[in-house]
């Protein structure tokens, strides 16, 4: 990495991702929490910009990507899981 390295622990994640989500002392803004589906969609979208992949063939690839993420058995089970678990990261 250039410039810094992120610690892959709760403290490291909070130092980078938690800061903009802070809503008050010890709580996070739930409106800024995201679902697993959102992060996977963005990851595939970003990868398609860097390298053409068959799943996302150009501008019409969004429909194919959405179908893949909502019908694939592995992704289908995890699409509605929040990125930040409210039991670990109190939200309001």
Protein backbone atom coordinates (compact mmCIF):
# COMPACT_ATOMS: atom_id res chain seq x y z
CA UNK A 1 0.00 0.00 0.00
CA UNK A 2 1.07 3.57 -0.55
CA UNK A 3 1.24 5.87 2.44
CA UNK A 4 -0.40 3.76 5.13
CA UNK A 5 -1.44 0.29 6.13
CA UNK A 6 -4.82 -0.51 7.66
CA UNK A 7 -4.96 -2.80 10.65
CA UNK A 8 -7.46 -5.63 9.95
CA UNK A 9 -9.01 -5.51 13.41
CA UNK A 10 -12.04 -3.82 14.89
CA UNK A 11 -9.89 -0.81 15.87
CA UNK A 12 -8.36 -0.59 12.41
CA UNK A 13 -11.73 -0.80 10.70
CA UNK A 14 -13.23 1.81 13.01
CA UNK A 15 -10.30 4.14 12.41
CA UNK A 16 -10.99 4.20 8.67
CA UNK A 17 -14.64 3.25 8.12
CA UNK A 18 -16.11 4.15 11.49
CA UNK A 19 -15.06 7.77 11.57
CA UNK A 20 -17.54 9.07 8.98
CA UNK A 21 -20.31 6.94 10.48
CA UNK A 22 -20.02 8.39 14.00
CA UNK A 23 -23.39 9.74 15.06
CA UNK A 24 -22.76 10.50 18.69
CA UNK A 25 -20.84 9.12 21.63
CA UNK A 26 -20.56 5.40 20.93
CA UNK A 27 -23.27 5.26 18.25
CA UNK A 28 -23.23 5.27 14.46
CA UNK A 29 -25.57 6.71 11.86
CA UNK A 30 -27.57 3.72 10.60
CA UNK A 31 -28.35 5.57 7.35
CA UNK A 32 -24.68 5.19 6.41
CA UNK A 33 -24.59 1.44 6.99
CA UNK A 34 -24.55 -0.66 3.83
CA UNK A 35 -25.60 -4.16 2.84
CA UNK A 36 -23.35 -6.93 1.57
CA UNK A 37 -25.13 -6.64 -1.81
CA UNK A 38 -24.05 -2.99 -2.11
CA UNK A 39 -20.40 -3.75 -1.40
CA UNK A 40 -20.30 -6.69 -3.82
CA UNK A 41 -22.02 -4.68 -6.56
CA UNK A 42 -19.50 -1.85 -6.15
CA UNK A 43 -16.57 -4.31 -6.10
CA UNK A 44 -17.64 -5.93 -9.39
CA UNK A 45 -18.32 -2.51 -10.89
CA UNK A 46 -14.85 -1.29 -9.91
CA UNK A 47 -13.22 -4.45 -11.24
CA UNK A 48 -15.01 -4.00 -14.58
CA UNK A 49 -13.48 -0.53 -14.92
CA UNK A 50 -9.99 -1.95 -14.44
CA UNK A 51 -10.39 -5.12 -16.50
CA UNK A 52 -13.21 -6.38 -18.70
CA UNK A 53 -14.96 -9.31 -17.09
CA UNK A 54 -17.63 -11.43 -18.80
CA UNK A 55 -20.14 -10.82 -16.00
CA UNK A 56 -20.24 -7.05 -16.56
CA UNK A 57 -19.98 -6.52 -20.33
CA UNK A 58 -20.13 -2.75 -20.74
CA UNK A 59 -23.12 -0.51 -20.00
CA UNK A 60 -25.66 -3.31 -20.22
CA UNK A 61 -23.76 -5.35 -17.65
CA UNK A 62 -25.57 -3.84 -14.67
CA UNK A 63 -28.66 -5.99 -15.26
CA UNK A 64 -26.51 -9.11 -15.61
CA UNK A 65 -24.62 -8.23 -12.45
CA UNK A 66 -27.83 -7.59 -10.50
CA UNK A 67 -29.30 -10.92 -11.69
CA UNK A 68 -26.09 -12.72 -10.69
CA UNK A 69 -25.99 -11.22 -7.19
CA UNK A 70 -29.69 -11.89 -6.55
CA UNK A 71 -29.86 -15.44 -7.95
CA UNK A 72 -26.46 -16.97 -7.10
CA UNK A 73 -27.01 -19.25 -4.06
CA UNK A 74 -24.00 -17.91 -2.14
CA UNK A 75 -24.74 -14.21 -2.67
CA UNK A 76 -28.50 -14.64 -2.30
CA UNK A 77 -28.04 -15.76 1.34
CA UNK A 78 -25.80 -12.82 2.29
CA UNK A 79 -27.23 -9.88 0.32
CA UNK A 80 -29.21 -8.47 3.26
CA UNK A 81 -26.44 -8.69 5.85
CA UNK A 82 -25.34 -5.27 7.06
CA UNK A 83 -21.70 -4.22 6.68
CA UNK A 84 -21.59 -3.08 10.30
CA UNK A 85 -23.44 -5.42 12.68
CA UNK A 86 -25.69 -3.29 14.95
CA UNK A 87 -24.92 -5.56 17.92
CA UNK A 88 -21.23 -4.63 17.62
CA UNK A 89 -21.65 -1.07 16.29
CA UNK A 90 -24.62 0.57 18.11
CA UNK A 91 -26.72 2.55 15.65
CA UNK A 92 -29.62 4.95 15.65
